[in-house]
Amino acid sequence: MSGLAGLPVGAILDYASVLIFALTGALVASRQQLDVVGFIFIAALTAVGGGTLRDLLLGRDPVFWVGRPGFILLIAAAAVLVFFTAHLLESRYRALLWLDACALAVAVPAGVAVTMALGHGPVIVLIMGVITGSFGGLMRDVVCNEVPLTLKQGELYLSCAFAGAAAALILTALGFAGLPALIGCGLVTFALRAGSLRFGWSLPVYKARPPRTRG
């Protein structure tokens, strides 16, 4: 399945997710008041972390950004752009949340597309969709000592990635394989994440209860 300029759709989605995740990484670097090299490092960690883990687990050789070094140039450009413009944003954290939601909605379909193209079954497609969408941001937040968005209480995140990947599988099973399934994946992922940010949608969380005492 090819897209623009003859590139596979998975590669195009990788480029888009890398760009947007790089911007989120650079925004977190601005909150930590790092230098420009720190901006590029955190942007790169965020942008390629999930896709790198995906490719290593799937045995892809080379890893996507090693085979196309232009990804690194794109990341560096995004990081430098944010380094010089982050101060113009009224709320960098709010911008971070919405950019991250957009990145998630692109990265999950990217992971799904790559995994399906390699012929893997539904379980692996689900797992790789979640990994591609969430692990870069998780690495970013852990390294920068931020509360990980992926695990933040009261917000949908991992469940959005899971639902998006599941939507792609369902659409494929219904005969809408390829681009329609990936579009549906992205829309479901973004709609759930946006609903969590805008309306406070969430799943029930575990609440500890004191053990019962015998009378």
Protein backbone atom coordinates (compact mmCIF):
# COMPACT_ATOMS: atom_id res chain seq x y z
CA MET A 1 0.00 0.00 0.00
CA SER A 2 1.77 3.15 -1.22
CA GLY A 3 1.11 6.80 -0.48
CA LEU A 4 2.67 10.06 -1.59
CA ALA A 5 5.95 9.92 -3.52
CA GLY A 6 5.69 6.14 -3.66
CA LEU A 7 6.36 5.75 0.07
CA PRO A 8 4.42 3.09 1.99
CA VAL A 9 1.56 4.51 4.03
CA GLY A 10 3.28 3.24 7.19
CA ALA A 11 6.39 5.31 6.35
CA ILE A 12 4.30 8.45 5.70
CA LEU A 13 2.56 7.98 9.05
CA ASP A 14 5.96 7.48 10.69
CA TYR A 15 7.14 10.83 9.27
CA ALA A 16 4.02 12.59 10.55
CA SER A 17 4.16 11.04 14.02
CA VAL A 18 7.90 11.71 14.31
CA LEU A 19 7.38 15.39 13.51
CA ILE A 20 4.53 15.90 15.96
CA PHE A 21 6.10 13.84 18.75
CA ALA A 22 9.36 15.77 18.25
CA LEU A 23 7.44 18.99 18.86
CA THR A 24 5.98 17.58 22.08
CA GLY A 25 9.41 16.44 23.24
CA ALA A 26 10.83 19.89 22.59
CA LEU A 27 7.96 21.48 24.52
CA VAL A 28 8.77 19.29 27.51
CA ALA A 29 12.44 20.30 27.13
CA SER A 30 11.34 23.95 27.26
CA ARG A 31 9.52 23.28 30.53
CA GLN A 32 12.78 21.81 31.87
CA GLN A 33 14.77 24.82 30.57
CA LEU A 34 17.30 22.71 28.67
CA ASP A 35 19.83 23.92 26.10
CA VAL A 36 19.36 23.37 22.38
CA VAL A 37 21.20 20.03 22.44
CA GLY A 38 18.91 18.90 25.24
CA PHE A 39 15.94 19.96 23.12
CA ILE A 40 17.13 17.79 20.23
CA PHE A 41 17.85 14.81 22.50
CA ILE A 42 14.44 14.85 24.19
CA ALA A 43 12.69 15.49 20.87
CA ALA A 44 14.49 12.51 19.32
CA LEU A 45 13.78 10.23 22.28
CA THR A 46 10.09 11.11 22.08
CA ALA A 47 9.83 10.93 18.32
CA VAL A 48 11.53 7.60 17.64
CA GLY A 49 11.22 5.76 20.97
CA GLY A 50 7.98 3.93 20.25
CA GLY A 51 8.79 3.15 16.63
CA THR A 52 12.27 1.91 17.53
CA LEU A 53 10.91 -0.51 20.12
CA ARG A 54 8.29 -1.67 17.60
CA ASP A 55 10.89 -2.36 14.92
CA LEU A 56 13.22 -4.17 17.32
CA LEU A 57 10.41 -6.42 18.53
CA LEU A 58 9.28 -7.12 14.97
CA GLY A 59 12.83 -7.81 13.81
CA ARG A 60 12.82 -5.08 11.16
CA ASP A 61 16.28 -4.42 9.77
CA PRO A 62 17.19 -1.65 9.68
CA VAL A 63 15.12 0.25 12.26
CA PHE A 64 12.98 2.82 10.45
CA TRP A 65 15.07 5.92 11.26
CA VAL A 66 18.36 4.13 10.58
CA GLY A 67 17.13 3.26 7.10
CA ARG A 68 15.93 6.83 6.53
CA PRO A 69 18.27 9.28 8.36
CA GLY A 70 16.08 12.15 7.17
CA PHE A 71 13.97 11.45 10.26
CA ILE A 72 16.81 12.78 12.45
CA LEU A 73 17.09 15.98 10.41
CA LEU A 74 13.33 16.47 10.75
CA ILE A 75 13.55 15.98 14.52
CA ALA A 76 16.44 18.44 14.84
CA ALA A 77 14.59 21.07 12.82
CA ALA A 78 11.46 20.68 14.95
CA ALA A 79 13.47 20.93 18.17
CA VAL A 80 15.31 24.08 17.06
CA LEU A 81 12.03 25.65 15.96
CA VAL A 82 10.49 25.09 19.40
CA PHE A 83 13.68 26.30 21.12
CA PHE A 84 13.21 29.72 19.53
CA THR A 85 9.39 29.93 19.65
CA ALA A 86 8.19 28.13 22.79
CA HIS A 87 8.09 31.39 24.74
CA LEU A 88 5.35 32.64 22.40
CA LEU A 89 2.87 30.04 23.63
CA GLU A 90 0.45 31.18 26.30
CA SER A 91 0.24 27.68 27.81
CA ARG A 92 2.96 25.27 26.78
CA TYR A 93 1.42 22.44 28.79
CA ARG A 94 -1.95 22.80 27.06
CA ALA A 95 -0.22 22.88 23.68
CA LEU A 96 1.73 19.80 24.72
CA LEU A 97 -1.43 17.87 25.58
CA TRP A 98 -3.15 18.57 22.27
CA LEU A 99 -0.03 18.03 20.16
CA ASP A 100 0.49 14.75 21.98
CA ALA A 101 -3.11 13.75 21.21
CA CYS A 102 -2.49 14.46 17.52
CA ALA A 103 0.77 12.50 17.59
CA LEU A 104 -0.94 9.55 19.26
CA ALA A 105 -3.65 9.56 16.57
CA VAL A 106 -0.97 9.28 13.87
CA ALA A 107 1.51 6.97 15.61
CA VAL A 108 -1.02 4.25 16.43
CA PRO A 109 -2.06 3.84 12.76
CA ALA A 110 1.64 3.90 11.84
CA GLY A 111 2.30 0.97 14.14
CA VAL A 112 -0.78 -0.85 12.89
CA ALA A 113 0.17 -0.31 9.23
CA VAL A 114 3.73 -1.57 9.67
CA THR A 115 2.63 -4.63 11.64
CA MET A 116 -0.14 -5.55 9.22
CA ALA A 117 2.23 -5.16 6.27
CA LEU A 118 4.51 -7.73 7.88
CA GLY A 119 1.61 -10.17 8.08
CA HIS A 120 1.22 -10.40 11.84
CA GLY A 121 -2.03 -11.39 13.52
CA PRO A 122 -4.51 -9.28 15.52
CA VAL A 123 -2.84 -9.63 18.93
CA ILE A 124 0.53 -8.39 17.66
CA VAL A 125 -1.16 -5.60 15.68
CA LEU A 126 -2.86 -4.39 18.88
CA ILE A 127 0.34 -4.51 20.90
CA MET A 128 2.47 -2.76 18.29
CA GLY A 129 -0.14 -0.06 17.77
CA VAL A 130 -0.07 0.71 21.49
CA ILE A 131 3.74 0.55 21.70
CA THR A 132 4.27 2.83 18.70
CA GLY A 133 1.84 5.39 20.05
CA SER A 134 2.80 5.46 23.71
CA PHE A 135 6.38 4.45 24.47
CA GLY A 136 8.11 7.54 23.05
CA GLY A 137 6.02 9.81 25.26
CA LEU A 138 6.58 7.52 28.23
CA MET A 139 10.36 7.71 27.77
CA ARG A 140 10.16 11.49 27.39
CA ASP A 141 8.23 11.98 30.62
CA VAL A 142 10.34 9.55 32.66
CA VAL A 143 13.64 11.12 31.54
CA CYS A 144 12.29 14.64 32.23
CA ASN A 145 10.86 13.62 35.62
CA GLU A 146 7.31 14.45 34.57
CA VAL A 147 4.20 12.47 35.50
CA PRO A 148 3.81 10.18 32.43
CA LEU A 149 0.76 11.14 30.37
CA THR A 150 0.37 7.47 29.49
CA LEU A 151 -0.33 6.57 33.12
CA LYS A 152 -1.87 9.76 34.46
CA GLN A 153 -4.84 8.99 36.69
CA GLY A 154 -8.24 10.07 35.41
CA GLU A 155 -7.25 10.36 31.73
CA LEU A 156 -7.64 8.06 28.75
CA TYR A 157 -4.38 7.38 26.95
CA LEU A 158 -3.30 3.75 26.61
CA SER A 159 -6.95 2.82 26.23
CA CYS A 160 -7.23 5.30 23.32
CA ALA A 161 -4.33 3.60 21.54
CA PHE A 162 -5.81 0.17 22.20
CA ALA A 163 -9.26 1.22 20.96
CA GLY A 164 -7.79 2.79 17.82
CA ALA A 165 -5.80 -0.33 16.95
CA ALA A 166 -8.88 -2.46 17.66
CA ALA A 167 -10.94 -0.23 15.35
CA ALA A 168 -8.45 -0.86 12.53
CA LEU A 169 -8.77 -4.61 13.03
CA ILE A 170 -12.57 -4.46 13.09
CA LEU A 171 -12.71 -2.34 9.93
CA THR A 172 -10.30 -4.70 8.20
CA ALA A 173 -12.45 -7.68 9.17
CA LEU A 174 -15.49 -5.87 7.75
CA GLY A 175 -13.77 -5.44 4.39
CA PHE A 176 -12.36 -1.91 4.83
CA ALA A 177 -8.71 -2.91 4.78
CA GLY A 178 -5.89 -0.49 4.02
CA LEU A 179 -6.30 3.28 4.18
CA PRO A 180 -9.94 3.30 5.43
CA ALA A 181 -8.97 1.10 8.37
CA LEU A 182 -6.01 3.35 9.23
CA ILE A 183 -8.15 6.49 8.99
CA GLY A 184 -10.71 4.89 11.30
CA CYS A 185 -7.92 3.95 13.68
CA GLY A 186 -6.67 7.54 13.85
CA LEU A 187 -10.14 9.02 14.25
CA VAL A 188 -11.09 6.69 17.10
CA THR A 189 -7.78 7.30 18.86
CA PHE A 190 -8.04 11.08 18.58
CA ALA A 191 -11.74 11.25 19.45
CA LEU A 192 -11.23 9.34 22.69
CA ARG A 193 -8.12 11.29 23.69
CA ALA A 194 -9.76 14.61 22.82
CA GLY A 195 -12.84 13.62 24.82
CA SER A 196 -10.64 12.88 27.79
CA LEU A 197 -8.95 16.28 27.53
CA ARG A 198 -12.06 18.30 26.75
CA PHE A 199 -14.79 16.52 28.68
CA GLY A 200 -12.89 14.53 31.28
CA TRP A 201 -13.75 11.09 29.90
CA SER A 202 -12.09 8.36 31.90
CA LEU A 203 -12.34 4.72 32.89
CA PRO A 204 -13.00 3.59 36.46
CA VAL A 205 -9.80 3.34 38.49
CA TYR A 206 -8.91 0.89 41.20
CA LYS A 207 -9.50 2.20 44.73
CA ALA A 208 -7.92 0.39 47.63
CA ARG A 209 -10.23 -0.81 50.39
CA PRO A 210 -9.17 -1.75 53.91
CA PRO A 211 -9.17 -5.51 54.49
CA ARG A 212 -12.18 -6.94 56.21
CA THR A 213 -11.63 -7.76 59.84
CA ARG A 214 -13.09 -10.83 61.36
CA GLY A 215 -15.40 -10.21 64.29
